[in-house]
């Protein structure tokens, strides 16, 4: 499956709209950036194999690690990677479901949620 950037962005918007409000409301101060693939620098920094690109990555300081005395220097960002998602999905419906799961998973990193808490919400 290959979509134009505009079509993929619309799929991301629809997927985010499907996320339950109690989770989606946590996106207020998080930037969502759609990239084709992780950059080489990003892959190296995170210790990722460049050939095994993830669907998404959260970068920032989780709420559990924040301090009033040391605010984050950069905005929290969820990167969504178009090509790995397109490669894994066969339909728009499947793509939107994977984007939804990916965004919720990355929000969970921001919130400091455990895998068990994600599973309880149906997103593990």
PDB file of N, CA and C in Angstrom:
ATOM      1  N   UNK A   1       0.845  -1.169   0.000  1.00  0.00           N
ATOM      2  CA  UNK A   1       0.000   0.000   0.000  1.00  0.00           C
ATOM      3  C   UNK A   1       0.892   1.234   0.000  1.00  0.00           C
ATOM      4  N   UNK A   2       0.607   2.158  -0.878  1.00  0.00           N
ATOM      5  CA  UNK A   2       1.341   3.423  -0.934  1.00  0.00           C
ATOM      6  C   UNK A   2       0.334   4.556  -1.049  1.00  0.00           C
ATOM      7  N   UNK A   3       0.428   5.521  -0.153  1.00  0.00           N
ATOM      8  CA  UNK A   3      -0.454   6.679  -0.150  1.00  0.00           C
ATOM      9  C   UNK A   3       0.372   7.940  -0.355  1.00  0.00           C
ATOM     10  N   UNK A   4      -0.279   8.970  -0.845  1.00  0.00           N
ATOM     11  CA  UNK A   4       0.389  10.269  -0.905  1.00  0.00           C
ATOM     12  C   UNK A   4       0.525  10.788   0.528  1.00  0.00           C
ATOM     13  N   UNK A   5       1.361  11.761   0.721  1.00  0.00           N
ATOM     14  CA  UNK A   5       1.528  12.352   2.052  1.00  0.00           C
ATOM     15  C   UNK A   5       0.203  12.891   2.568  1.00  0.00           C
ATOM     16  N   UNK A   6      -0.554  13.514   1.697  1.00  0.00           N
ATOM     17  CA  UNK A   6      -1.847  14.088   2.087  1.00  0.00           C
ATOM     18  C   UNK A   6      -2.828  12.992   2.511  1.00  0.00           C
ATOM     19  N   UNK A   7      -2.898  11.908   1.746  1.00  0.00           N
ATOM     20  CA  UNK A   7      -3.790  10.799   2.093  1.00  0.00           C
ATOM     21  C   UNK A   7      -3.383  10.166   3.422  1.00  0.00           C
ATOM     22  N   UNK A   8      -2.084  10.015   3.621  1.00  0.00           N
ATOM     23  CA  UNK A   8      -1.602   9.422   4.859  1.00  0.00           C
ATOM     24  C   UNK A   8      -1.917  10.338   6.046  1.00  0.00           C
ATOM     25  N   UNK A   9      -1.723  11.640   5.882  1.00  0.00           N
ATOM     26  CA  UNK A   9      -2.045  12.595   6.948  1.00  0.00           C
ATOM     27  C   UNK A   9      -3.526  12.513   7.329  1.00  0.00           C
ATOM     28  N   UNK A  10      -4.399  12.361   6.344  1.00  0.00           N
ATOM     29  CA  UNK A  10      -5.833  12.218   6.626  1.00  0.00           C
ATOM     30  C   UNK A  10      -6.101  10.922   7.398  1.00  0.00           C
ATOM     31  N   UNK A  11      -5.405   9.854   7.047  1.00  0.00           N
ATOM     32  CA  UNK A  11      -5.553   8.594   7.779  1.00  0.00           C
ATOM     33  C   UNK A  11      -5.104   8.770   9.226  1.00  0.00           C
ATOM     34  N   UNK A  12      -4.025   9.513   9.442  1.00  0.00           N
ATOM     35  CA  UNK A  12      -3.548   9.787  10.802  1.00  0.00           C
ATOM     36  C   UNK A  12      -4.604  10.570  11.574  1.00  0.00           C
ATOM     37  N   UNK A  13      -5.188  11.582  10.956  1.00  0.00           N
ATOM     38  CA  UNK A  13      -6.229  12.375  11.620  1.00  0.00           C
ATOM     39  C   UNK A  13      -7.425  11.510  11.998  1.00  0.00           C
ATOM     40  N   UNK A  14      -7.867  10.644  11.084  1.00  0.00           N
ATOM     41  CA  UNK A  14      -9.003   9.764  11.380  1.00  0.00           C
ATOM     42  C   UNK A  14      -8.651   8.797  12.513  1.00  0.00           C
ATOM     43  N   UNK A  15      -7.435   8.258  12.476  1.00  0.00           N
ATOM     44  CA  UNK A  15      -7.011   7.319  13.520  1.00  0.00           C
ATOM     45  C   UNK A  15      -6.970   7.998  14.880  1.00  0.00           C
ATOM     46  N   UNK A  16      -6.456   9.198  14.946  1.00  0.00           N
ATOM     47  CA  UNK A  16      -6.398   9.932  16.214  1.00  0.00           C
ATOM     48  C   UNK A  16      -7.807  10.225  16.713  1.00  0.00           C
ATOM     49  N   UNK A  17      -8.715  10.503  15.802  1.00  0.00           N
ATOM     50  CA  UNK A  17     -10.107  10.749  16.176  1.00  0.00           C
ATOM     51  C   UNK A  17     -10.780   9.547  16.803  1.00  0.00           C
ATOM     52  N   UNK A  18     -10.270   8.350  16.542  1.00  0.00           N
ATOM     53  CA  UNK A  18     -10.833   7.108  17.092  1.00  0.00           C
ATOM     54  C   UNK A  18     -10.343   6.805  18.505  1.00  0.00           C
ATOM     55  N   UNK A  19      -9.287   7.466  18.928  1.00  0.00           N
ATOM     56  CA  UNK A  19      -8.704   7.216  20.248  1.00  0.00           C
ATOM     57  C   UNK A  19      -9.664   7.738  21.311  1.00  0.00           C
ATOM     58  N   UNK A  20      -9.907   6.954  22.375  1.00  0.00           N
ATOM     59  CA  UNK A  20     -10.809   7.420  23.436  1.00  0.00           C
ATOM     60  C   UNK A  20     -10.388   8.795  23.970  1.00  0.00           C
ATOM     61  N   UNK A  21     -11.378   9.625  24.272  1.00  0.00           N
ATOM     62  CA  UNK A  21     -11.135  11.015  24.682  1.00  0.00           C
ATOM     63  C   UNK A  21     -10.187  11.116  25.870  1.00  0.00           C
ATOM     64  N   UNK A  22     -10.301  10.193  26.842  1.00  0.00           N
ATOM     65  CA  UNK A  22      -9.445  10.297  28.031  1.00  0.00           C
ATOM     66  C   UNK A  22      -7.969  10.118  27.690  1.00  0.00           C
ATOM     67  N   UNK A  23      -7.686   9.462  26.589  1.00  0.00           N
ATOM     68  CA  UNK A  23      -6.303   9.324  26.127  1.00  0.00           C
ATOM     69  C   UNK A  23      -5.971  10.455  25.154  1.00  0.00           C
ATOM     70  N   UNK A  24      -6.860  10.706  24.225  1.00  0.00           N
ATOM     71  CA  UNK A  24      -6.631  11.734  23.200  1.00  0.00           C
ATOM     72  C   UNK A  24      -6.410  13.113  23.816  1.00  0.00           C
ATOM     73  N   UNK A  25      -7.090  13.395  24.933  1.00  0.00           N
ATOM     74  CA  UNK A  25      -6.943  14.701  25.582  1.00  0.00           C
ATOM     75  C   UNK A  25      -5.522  14.945  26.070  1.00  0.00           C
ATOM     76  N   UNK A  26      -4.725  13.884  26.215  1.00  0.00           N
ATOM     77  CA  UNK A  26      -3.345  14.022  26.665  1.00  0.00           C
ATOM     78  C   UNK A  26      -2.425  14.513  25.548  1.00  0.00           C
ATOM     79  N   UNK A  27      -2.948  14.647  24.327  1.00  0.00           N
ATOM     80  CA  UNK A  27      -2.145  15.089  23.181  1.00  0.00           C
ATOM     81  C   UNK A  27      -1.988  16.604  23.100  1.00  0.00           C
ATOM     82  N   UNK A  28      -2.611  17.344  24.019  1.00  0.00           N
ATOM     83  CA  UNK A  28      -2.613  18.803  23.930  1.00  0.00           C
ATOM     84  C   UNK A  28      -1.238  19.421  23.737  1.00  0.00           C
ATOM     85  N   UNK A  29      -0.240  18.926  24.432  1.00  0.00           N
ATOM     86  CA  UNK A  29       1.095  19.522  24.361  1.00  0.00           C
ATOM     87  C   UNK A  29       2.112  18.597  23.702  1.00  0.00           C
ATOM     88  N   UNK A  30       1.625  17.712  22.841  1.00  0.00           N
ATOM     89  CA  UNK A  30       2.512  16.781  22.151  1.00  0.00           C
ATOM     90  C   UNK A  30       2.411  17.030  20.651  1.00  0.00           C
ATOM     91  N   UNK A  31       3.537  17.189  20.030  1.00  0.00           N
ATOM     92  CA  UNK A  31       3.607  17.358  18.586  1.00  0.00           C
ATOM     93  C   UNK A  31       3.553  15.984  17.928  1.00  0.00           C
ATOM     94  N   UNK A  32       2.738  15.835  16.898  1.00  0.00           N
ATOM     95  CA  UNK A  32       2.731  14.598  16.116  1.00  0.00           C
ATOM     96  C   UNK A  32       3.331  14.930  14.766  1.00  0.00           C
ATOM     97  N   UNK A  33       4.397  14.229  14.437  1.00  0.00           N
ATOM     98  CA  UNK A  33       5.129  14.473  13.202  1.00  0.00           C
ATOM     99  C   UNK A  33       5.141  13.199  12.366  1.00  0.00           C
ATOM    100  N   UNK A  34       4.668  13.305  11.132  1.00  0.00           N
ATOM    101  CA  UNK A  34       4.689  12.174  10.213  1.00  0.00           C
ATOM    102  C   UNK A  34       5.961  12.276   9.375  1.00  0.00           C
ATOM    103  N   UNK A  35       6.722  11.183   9.383  1.00  0.00           N
ATOM    104  CA  UNK A  35       7.957  11.100   8.601  1.00  0.00           C
ATOM    105  C   UNK A  35       7.864   9.868   7.711  1.00  0.00           C
ATOM    106  N   UNK A  36       8.604   9.855   6.628  1.00  0.00           N
ATOM    107  CA  UNK A  36       8.602   8.670   5.763  1.00  0.00           C
ATOM    108  C   UNK A  36       9.188   7.467   6.508  1.00  0.00           C
ATOM    109  N   UNK A  37      10.344   7.666   7.136  1.00  0.00           N
ATOM    110  CA  UNK A  37      11.051   6.624   7.900  1.00  0.00           C
ATOM    111  C   UNK A  37      11.856   7.339   8.984  1.00  0.00           C
ATOM    112  N   UNK A  38      12.315   6.600   9.994  1.00  0.00           N
ATOM    113  CA  UNK A  38      13.212   7.241  10.960  1.00  0.00           C
ATOM    114  C   UNK A  38      14.505   7.656  10.254  1.00  0.00           C
ATOM    115  N   UNK A  39      15.029   8.798  10.627  1.00  0.00           N
ATOM    116  CA  UNK A  39      16.304   9.230  10.060  1.00  0.00           C
ATOM    117  C   UNK A  39      17.409   8.284  10.534  1.00  0.00           C
ATOM    118  N   UNK A  40      18.502   8.272   9.837  1.00  0.00           N
ATOM    119  CA  UNK A  40      19.653   7.451  10.236  1.00  0.00           C
ATOM    120  C   UNK A  40      20.115   7.857  11.637  1.00  0.00           C
ATOM    121  N   UNK A  41      20.151   9.169  11.888  1.00  0.00           N
ATOM    122  CA  UNK A  41      20.564   9.676  13.197  1.00  0.00           C
ATOM    123  C   UNK A  41      19.616   9.188  14.292  1.00  0.00           C
ATOM    124  N   UNK A  42      18.305   9.258  14.036  1.00  0.00           N
ATOM    125  CA  UNK A  42      17.323   8.811  15.012  1.00  0.00           C
ATOM    126  C   UNK A  42      17.503   7.315  15.298  1.00  0.00           C
ATOM    127  N   UNK A  43      17.687   6.533  14.250  1.00  0.00           N
ATOM    128  CA  UNK A  43      17.881   5.092  14.418  1.00  0.00           C
ATOM    129  C   UNK A  43      19.127   4.801  15.245  1.00  0.00           C
ATOM    130  N   UNK A  44      20.208   5.518  14.958  1.00  0.00           N
ATOM    131  CA  UNK A  44      21.451   5.306  15.700  1.00  0.00           C
ATOM    132  C   UNK A  44      21.293   5.703  17.161  1.00  0.00           C
ATOM    133  N   UNK A  45      20.679   6.858  17.402  1.00  0.00           N
ATOM    134  CA  UNK A  45      20.494   7.355  18.764  1.00  0.00           C
ATOM    135  C   UNK A  45      19.674   6.383  19.607  1.00  0.00           C
ATOM    136  N   UNK A  46      18.655   5.791  18.996  1.00  0.00           N
ATOM    137  CA  UNK A  46      17.773   4.889  19.726  1.00  0.00           C
ATOM    138  C   UNK A  46      18.214   3.434  19.663  1.00  0.00           C
ATOM    139  N   UNK A  47      19.331   3.171  18.984  1.00  0.00           N
ATOM    140  CA  UNK A  47      19.846   1.817  18.888  1.00  0.00           C
ATOM    141  C   UNK A  47      18.988   0.906  18.023  1.00  0.00           C
ATOM    142  N   UNK A  48      18.355   1.481  17.000  1.00  0.00           N
ATOM    143  CA  UNK A  48      17.484   0.710  16.113  1.00  0.00           C
ATOM    144  C   UNK A  48      18.247   0.217  14.896  1.00  0.00           C
ATOM    145  N   UNK A  49      17.855  -0.928  14.404  1.00  0.00           N
ATOM    146  CA  UNK A  49      18.385  -1.441  13.138  1.00  0.00           C
ATOM    147  C   UNK A  49      17.716  -0.649  12.013  1.00  0.00           C
ATOM    148  N   UNK A  50      18.481   0.020  11.152  1.00  0.00           N
ATOM    149  CA  UNK A  50      17.886   0.841  10.092  1.00  0.00           C
ATOM    150  C   UNK A  50      16.937   0.070   9.177  1.00  0.00           C
ATOM    151  N   UNK A  51      17.123  -1.245   9.061  1.00  0.00           N
ATOM    152  CA  UNK A  51      16.248  -2.046   8.203  1.00  0.00           C
ATOM    153  C   UNK A  51      14.973  -2.491   8.914  1.00  0.00           C
ATOM    154  N   UNK A  52      14.881  -2.269  10.213  1.00  0.00           N
ATOM    155  CA  UNK A  52      13.731  -2.697  10.999  1.00  0.00           C
ATOM    156  C   UNK A  52      13.069  -1.473  11.612  1.00  0.00           C
ATOM    157  N   UNK A  53      12.447  -0.658  10.774  1.00  0.00           N
ATOM    158  CA  UNK A  53      11.881   0.612  11.222  1.00  0.00           C
ATOM    159  C   UNK A  53      10.598   0.399  12.021  1.00  0.00           C
ATOM    160  N   UNK A  54      10.460   1.104  13.148  1.00  0.00           N
ATOM    161  CA  UNK A  54       9.238   1.020  13.944  1.00  0.00           C
ATOM    162  C   UNK A  54       8.105   1.813  13.291  1.00  0.00           C
ATOM    163  N   UNK A  55       6.895   1.616  13.780  1.00  0.00           N
ATOM    164  CA  UNK A  55       5.737   2.385  13.295  1.00  0.00           C
ATOM    165  C   UNK A  55       5.747   3.789  13.880  1.00  0.00           C
ATOM    166  N   UNK A  56       6.291   3.937  15.078  1.00  0.00           N
ATOM    167  CA  UNK A  56       6.307   5.234  15.736  1.00  0.00           C
ATOM    168  C   UNK A  56       7.302   5.263  16.874  1.00  0.00           C
ATOM    169  N   UNK A  57       7.646   6.475  17.280  1.00  0.00           N
ATOM    170  CA  UNK A  57       8.587   6.682  18.385  1.00  0.00           C
ATOM    171  C   UNK A  57       8.136   7.915  19.160  1.00  0.00           C
ATOM    172  N   UNK A  58       8.203   7.841  20.484  1.00  0.00           N
ATOM    173  CA  UNK A  58       7.989   9.002  21.344  1.00  0.00           C
ATOM    174  C   UNK A  58       9.349   9.543  21.744  1.00  0.00           C
ATOM    175  N   UNK A  59       9.535  10.843  21.600  1.00  0.00           N
ATOM    176  CA  UNK A  59      10.741  11.484  22.116  1.00  0.00           C
ATOM    177  C   UNK A  59      10.316  12.601  23.053  1.00  0.00           C
ATOM    178  N   UNK A  60      10.988  12.696  24.157  1.00  0.00           N
ATOM    179  CA  UNK A  60      10.658  13.720  25.131  1.00  0.00           C
ATOM    180  C   UNK A  60      10.937  13.216  26.529  1.00  0.00           C
ATOM    181  N   UNK A  61      10.370  13.901  27.497  1.00  0.00           N
ATOM    182  CA  UNK A  61      10.536  13.547  28.894  1.00  0.00           C
ATOM    183  C   UNK A  61       9.168  13.135  29.420  1.00  0.00           C
ATOM    184  N   UNK A  62       9.045  11.883  29.842  1.00  0.00           N
ATOM    185  CA  UNK A  62       7.746  11.397  30.315  1.00  0.00           C
ATOM    186  C   UNK A  62       7.314  12.175  31.551  1.00  0.00           C
ATOM    187  N   UNK A  63       6.020  12.158  31.802  1.00  0.00           N
ATOM    188  CA  UNK A  63       5.495  12.854  32.981  1.00  0.00           C
ATOM    189  C   UNK A  63       6.102  12.305  34.261  1.00  0.00           C
ATOM    190  N   UNK A  64       6.400  11.013  34.291  1.00  0.00           N
ATOM    191  CA  UNK A  64       6.989  10.395  35.476  1.00  0.00           C
ATOM    192  C   UNK A  64       8.402  10.903  35.748  1.00  0.00           C
ATOM    193  N   UNK A  65       9.082  11.390  34.720  1.00  0.00           N
ATOM    194  CA  UNK A  65      10.471  11.833  34.869  1.00  0.00           C
ATOM    195  C   UNK A  65      10.617  13.355  34.938  1.00  0.00           C
ATOM    196  N   UNK A  66       9.527  14.077  34.805  1.00  0.00           N
ATOM    197  CA  UNK A  66       9.604  15.540  34.774  1.00  0.00           C
ATOM    198  C   UNK A  66       9.830  16.137  36.147  1.00  0.00           C
ATOM    199  N   UNK A  67      10.430  17.311  36.121  1.00  0.00           N
ATOM    200  CA  UNK A  67      10.670  18.068  37.337  1.00  0.00           C
ATOM    201  C   UNK A  67      10.283  19.519  37.074  1.00  0.00           C
ATOM    202  N   UNK A  68       9.668  20.136  38.060  1.00  0.00           N
ATOM    203  CA  UNK A  68       9.334  21.555  37.923  1.00  0.00           C
ATOM    204  C   UNK A  68      10.591  22.411  37.808  1.00  0.00           C
ATOM    205  N   UNK A  69      11.684  21.897  38.309  1.00  0.00           N
ATOM    206  CA  UNK A  69      12.927  22.658  38.323  1.00  0.00           C
ATOM    207  C   UNK A  69      13.765  22.461  37.069  1.00  0.00           C
ATOM    208  N   UNK A  70      13.449  21.419  36.303  1.00  0.00           N
ATOM    209  CA  UNK A  70      14.171  21.138  35.055  1.00  0.00           C
ATOM    210  C   UNK A  70      13.180  20.847  33.934  1.00  0.00           C
ATOM    211  N   UNK A  71      12.552  21.887  33.399  1.00  0.00           N
ATOM    212  CA  UNK A  71      11.574  21.637  32.336  1.00  0.00           C
ATOM    213  C   UNK A  71      12.264  21.084  31.085  1.00  0.00           C
ATOM    214  N   UNK A  72      11.531  20.311  30.272  1.00  0.00           N
ATOM    215  CA  UNK A  72      12.124  19.762  29.051  1.00  0.00           C
ATOM    216  C   UNK A  72      12.624  20.884  28.134  1.00  0.00           C
ATOM    217  N   UNK A  73      13.726  20.610  27.452  1.00  0.00           N
ATOM    218  CA  UNK A  73      14.291  21.594  26.536  1.00  0.00           C
ATOM    219  C   UNK A  73      13.594  21.600  25.182  1.00  0.00           C
ATOM    220  N   UNK A  74      12.994  20.453  24.810  1.00  0.00           N
ATOM    221  CA  UNK A  74      12.369  20.312  23.509  1.00  0.00           C
ATOM    222  C   UNK A  74      10.937  19.823  23.702  1.00  0.00           C
ATOM    223  N   UNK A  75      10.076  20.086  22.729  1.00  0.00           N
ATOM    224  CA  UNK A  75       8.695  19.602  22.873  1.00  0.00           C
ATOM    225  C   UNK A  75       8.631  18.076  22.776  1.00  0.00           C
ATOM    226  N   UNK A  76       7.677  17.511  23.493  1.00  0.00           N
ATOM    227  CA  UNK A  76       7.420  16.080  23.359  1.00  0.00           C
ATOM    228  C   UNK A  76       6.878  15.848  21.955  1.00  0.00           C
ATOM    229  N   UNK A  77       7.363  14.800  21.316  1.00  0.00           N
ATOM    230  CA  UNK A  77       6.978  14.526  19.940  1.00  0.00           C
ATOM    231  C   UNK A  77       6.699  13.046  19.758  1.00  0.00           C
ATOM    232  N   UNK A  78       5.623  12.750  19.037  1.00  0.00           N
ATOM    233  CA  UNK A  78       5.358  11.398  18.580  1.00  0.00           C
ATOM    234  C   UNK A  78       5.619  11.403  17.084  1.00  0.00           C
ATOM    235  N   UNK A  79       6.575  10.603  16.659  1.00  0.00           N
ATOM    236  CA  UNK A  79       6.861  10.439  15.242  1.00  0.00           C
ATOM    237  C   UNK A  79       6.089   9.232  14.739  1.00  0.00           C
ATOM    238  N   UNK A  80       5.375   9.394  13.647  1.00  0.00           N
ATOM    239  CA  UNK A  80       4.670   8.309  12.973  1.00  0.00           C
ATOM    240  C   UNK A  80       5.391   8.086  11.651  1.00  0.00           C
ATOM    241  N   UNK A  81       5.741   6.834  11.357  1.00  0.00           N
ATOM    242  CA  UNK A  81       6.535   6.530  10.169  1.00  0.00           C
ATOM    243  C   UNK A  81       5.677   5.881   9.094  1.00  0.00           C
ATOM    244  N   UNK A  82       5.511   6.613   8.010  1.00  0.00           N
ATOM    245  CA  UNK A  82       4.599   6.227   6.945  1.00  0.00           C
ATOM    246  C   UNK A  82       4.982   4.926   6.249  1.00  0.00           C
ATOM    247  N   UNK A  83       6.196   4.803   5.790  1.00  0.00           N
ATOM    248  CA  UNK A  83       6.576   3.632   4.983  1.00  0.00           C
ATOM    249  C   UNK A  83       6.457   2.307   5.740  1.00  0.00           C
ATOM    250  N   UNK A  84       6.950   2.201   6.987  1.00  0.00           N
ATOM    251  CA  UNK A  84       6.769   0.928   7.691  1.00  0.00           C
ATOM    252  C   UNK A  84       5.294   0.569   7.903  1.00  0.00           C
ATOM    253  N   UNK A  85       4.472   1.570   8.179  1.00  0.00           N
ATOM    254  CA  UNK A  85       3.045   1.320   8.349  1.00  0.00           C
ATOM    255  C   UNK A  85       2.409   0.871   7.033  1.00  0.00           C
ATOM    256  N   UNK A  86       2.751   1.540   5.949  1.00  0.00           N
ATOM    257  CA  UNK A  86       2.206   1.144   4.639  1.00  0.00           C
ATOM    258  C   UNK A  86       2.642  -0.273   4.274  1.00  0.00           C
ATOM    259  N   UNK A  87       3.893  -0.598   4.567  1.00  0.00           N
ATOM    260  CA  UNK A  87       4.415  -1.930   4.247  1.00  0.00           C
ATOM    261  C   UNK A  87       3.684  -3.031   5.018  1.00  0.00           C
ATOM    262  N   UNK A  88       3.218  -2.717   6.229  1.00  0.00           N
ATOM    263  CA  UNK A  88       2.595  -3.724   7.084  1.00  0.00           C
ATOM    264  C   UNK A  88       1.091  -3.859   6.885  1.00  0.00           C
ATOM    265  N   UNK A  89       0.482  -2.907   6.203  1.00  0.00           N
ATOM    266  CA  UNK A  89      -0.983  -2.886   6.105  1.00  0.00           C
ATOM    267  C   UNK A  89      -1.460  -3.135   4.679  1.00  0.00           C
ATOM    268  N   UNK A  90      -2.642  -3.761   4.590  1.00  0.00           N
ATOM    269  CA  UNK A  90      -3.208  -4.089   3.280  1.00  0.00           C
ATOM    270  C   UNK A  90      -4.401  -3.220   2.908  1.00  0.00           C
ATOM    271  N   UNK A  91      -4.942  -2.489   3.895  1.00  0.00           N
ATOM    272  CA  UNK A  91      -6.118  -1.658   3.623  1.00  0.00           C
ATOM    273  C   UNK A  91      -6.048  -0.382   4.448  1.00  0.00           C
ATOM    274  N   UNK A  92      -6.846   0.595   4.071  1.00  0.00           N
ATOM    275  CA  UNK A  92      -6.918   1.845   4.835  1.00  0.00           C
ATOM    276  C   UNK A  92      -7.409   1.560   6.254  1.00  0.00           C
ATOM    277  N   UNK A  93      -8.400   0.672   6.381  1.00  0.00           N
ATOM    278  CA  UNK A  93      -8.937   0.344   7.708  1.00  0.00           C
ATOM    279  C   UNK A  93      -7.842  -0.245   8.606  1.00  0.00           C
ATOM    280  N   UNK A  94      -7.064  -1.156   8.063  1.00  0.00           N
ATOM    281  CA  UNK A  94      -5.969  -1.756   8.828  1.00  0.00           C
ATOM    282  C   UNK A  94      -4.916  -0.703   9.166  1.00  0.00           C
ATOM    283  N   UNK A  95      -4.613   0.173   8.210  1.00  0.00           N
ATOM    284  CA  UNK A  95      -3.643   1.240   8.421  1.00  0.00           C
ATOM    285  C   UNK A  95      -4.087   2.158   9.559  1.00  0.00           C
ATOM    286  N   UNK A  96      -5.336   2.582   9.535  1.00  0.00           N
ATOM    287  CA  UNK A  96      -5.838   3.477  10.575  1.00  0.00           C
ATOM    288  C   UNK A  96      -5.823   2.804  11.940  1.00  0.00           C
ATOM    289  N   UNK A  97      -6.123   1.511  11.988  1.00  0.00           N
ATOM    290  CA  UNK A  97      -6.068   0.782  13.252  1.00  0.00           C
ATOM    291  C   UNK A  97      -4.636   0.735  13.785  1.00  0.00           C
ATOM    292  N   UNK A  98      -3.662   0.472  12.909  1.00  0.00           N
ATOM    293  CA  UNK A  98      -2.254   0.426  13.336  1.00  0.00           C
ATOM    294  C   UNK A  98      -1.762   1.799  13.779  1.00  0.00           C
ATOM    295  N   UNK A  99      -2.199   2.854  13.097  1.00  0.00           N
ATOM    296  CA  UNK A  99      -1.812   4.212  13.506  1.00  0.00           C
ATOM    297  C   UNK A  99      -2.389   4.511  14.881  1.00  0.00           C
ATOM    298  N   UNK A 100      -3.667   4.167  15.081  1.00  0.00           N
ATOM    299  CA  UNK A 100      -4.307   4.381  16.381  1.00  0.00           C
ATOM    300  C   UNK A 100      -3.536   3.669  17.487  1.00  0.00           C
ATOM    301  N   UNK A 101      -3.228   2.412  17.287  1.00  0.00           N
ATOM    302  CA  UNK A 101      -2.488   1.627  18.278  1.00  0.00           C
ATOM    303  C   UNK A 101      -1.117   2.247  18.535  1.00  0.00           C
ATOM    304  N   UNK A 102      -0.459   2.668  17.470  1.00  0.00           N
ATOM    305  CA  UNK A 102       0.873   3.268  17.597  1.00  0.00           C
ATOM    306  C   UNK A 102       0.822   4.563  18.400  1.00  0.00           C
ATOM    307  N   UNK A 103      -0.122   5.445  18.085  1.00  0.00           N
ATOM    308  CA  UNK A 103      -0.219   6.720  18.801  1.00  0.00           C
ATOM    309  C   UNK A 103      -0.536   6.476  20.273  1.00  0.00           C
ATOM    310  N   UNK A 104      -1.471   5.573  20.563  1.00  0.00           N
ATOM    311  CA  UNK A 104      -1.806   5.277  21.963  1.00  0.00           C
ATOM    312  C   UNK A 104      -0.580   4.722  22.690  1.00  0.00           C
ATOM    313  N   UNK A 105       0.145   3.843  22.032  1.00  0.00           N
ATOM    314  CA  UNK A 105       1.344   3.271  22.646  1.00  0.00           C
ATOM    315  C   UNK A 105       2.364   4.364  22.970  1.00  0.00           C
ATOM    316  N   UNK A 106       2.549   5.291  22.053  1.00  0.00           N
ATOM    317  CA  UNK A 106       3.522   6.368  22.271  1.00  0.00           C
ATOM    318  C   UNK A 106       3.034   7.351  23.328  1.00  0.00           C
ATOM    319  N   UNK A 107       1.721   7.619  23.382  1.00  0.00           N
ATOM    320  CA  UNK A 107       1.173   8.456  24.459  1.00  0.00           C
ATOM    321  C   UNK A 107       1.434   7.778  25.802  1.00  0.00           C
ATOM    322  N   UNK A 108       1.306   6.460  25.825  1.00  0.00           N
ATOM    323  CA  UNK A 108       1.560   5.710  27.054  1.00  0.00           C
ATOM    324  C   UNK A 108       2.988   5.931  27.541  1.00  0.00           C
ATOM    325  N   UNK A 109       3.945   6.007  26.613  1.00  0.00           N
ATOM    326  CA  UNK A 109       5.330   6.302  27.016  1.00  0.00           C
ATOM    327  C   UNK A 109       5.402   7.687  27.668  1.00  0.00           C
ATOM    328  N   UNK A 110       4.704   8.644  27.104  1.00  0.00           N
ATOM    329  CA  UNK A 110       4.660   9.999  27.655  1.00  0.00           C
ATOM    330  C   UNK A 110       4.059   9.983  29.066  1.00  0.00           C
ATOM    331  N   UNK A 111       2.987   9.211  29.250  1.00  0.00           N
ATOM    332  CA  UNK A 111       2.305   9.164  30.539  1.00  0.00           C
ATOM    333  C   UNK A 111       3.013   8.285  31.557  1.00  0.00           C
ATOM    334  N   UNK A 112       3.938   7.441  31.091  1.00  0.00           N
ATOM    335  CA  UNK A 112       4.615   6.517  31.975  1.00  0.00           C
ATOM    336  C   UNK A 112       3.778   5.277  32.266  1.00  0.00           C
ATOM    337  N   UNK A 113       2.825   4.946  31.377  1.00  0.00           N
ATOM    338  CA  UNK A 113       1.968   3.771  31.561  1.00  0.00           C
ATOM    339  C   UNK A 113       2.740   2.483  31.332  1.00  0.00           C
ATOM    340  N   UNK A 114       2.290   1.432  31.994  1.00  0.00           N
ATOM    341  CA  UNK A 114       2.887   0.120  31.825  1.00  0.00           C
ATOM    342  C   UNK A 114       2.199  -0.619  30.681  1.00  0.00           C
ATOM    343  N   UNK A 115       2.822  -1.688  30.236  1.00  0.00           N
ATOM    344  CA  UNK A 115       2.222  -2.533  29.196  1.00  0.00           C
ATOM    345  C   UNK A 115       0.911  -3.143  29.697  1.00  0.00           C
ATOM    346  N   UNK A 116       0.833  -3.447  30.998  1.00  0.00           N
ATOM    347  CA  UNK A 116      -0.381  -4.017  31.578  1.00  0.00           C
ATOM    348  C   UNK A 116      -1.535  -3.015  31.506  1.00  0.00           C
ATOM    349  N   UNK A 117      -1.253  -1.760  31.795  1.00  0.00           N
ATOM    350  CA  UNK A 117      -2.300  -0.730  31.720  1.00  0.00           C
ATOM    351  C   UNK A 117      -2.782  -0.569  30.280  1.00  0.00           C
ATOM    352  N   UNK A 118      -1.857  -0.632  29.337  1.00  0.00           N
ATOM    353  CA  UNK A 118      -2.242  -0.578  27.917  1.00  0.00           C
ATOM    354  C   UNK A 118      -3.110  -1.769  27.540  1.00  0.00           C
ATOM    355  N   UNK A 119      -2.738  -2.930  28.020  1.00  0.00           N
ATOM    356  CA  UNK A 119      -3.508  -4.141  27.731  1.00  0.00           C
ATOM    357  C   UNK A 119      -4.927  -4.016  28.275  1.00  0.00           C
ATOM    358  N   UNK A 120      -5.072  -3.446  29.461  1.00  0.00           N
ATOM    359  CA  UNK A 120      -6.391  -3.274  30.061  1.00  0.00           C
ATOM    360  C   UNK A 120      -7.281  -2.373  29.211  1.00  0.00           C
ATOM    361  N   UNK A 121      -6.657  -1.459  28.474  1.00  0.00           N
ATOM    362  CA  UNK A 121      -7.399  -0.570  27.576  1.00  0.00           C
ATOM    363  C   UNK A 121      -7.582  -1.165  26.186  1.00  0.00           C
ATOM    364  N   UNK A 122      -6.982  -2.332  25.957  1.00  0.00           N
ATOM    365  CA  UNK A 122      -7.109  -2.993  24.665  1.00  0.00           C
ATOM    366  C   UNK A 122      -6.073  -2.556  23.646  1.00  0.00           C
ATOM    367  N   UNK A 123      -4.955  -2.014  24.099  1.00  0.00           N
ATOM    368  CA  UNK A 123      -3.936  -1.499  23.175  1.00  0.00           C
ATOM    369  C   UNK A 123      -2.588  -2.173  23.327  1.00  0.00           C
ATOM    370  N   UNK A 124      -2.528  -3.399  23.799  1.00  0.00           N
ATOM    371  CA  UNK A 124      -1.227  -4.060  23.943  1.00  0.00           C
ATOM    372  C   UNK A 124      -0.886  -4.866  22.717  1.00  0.00           C
TER     373      UNK A 124
END
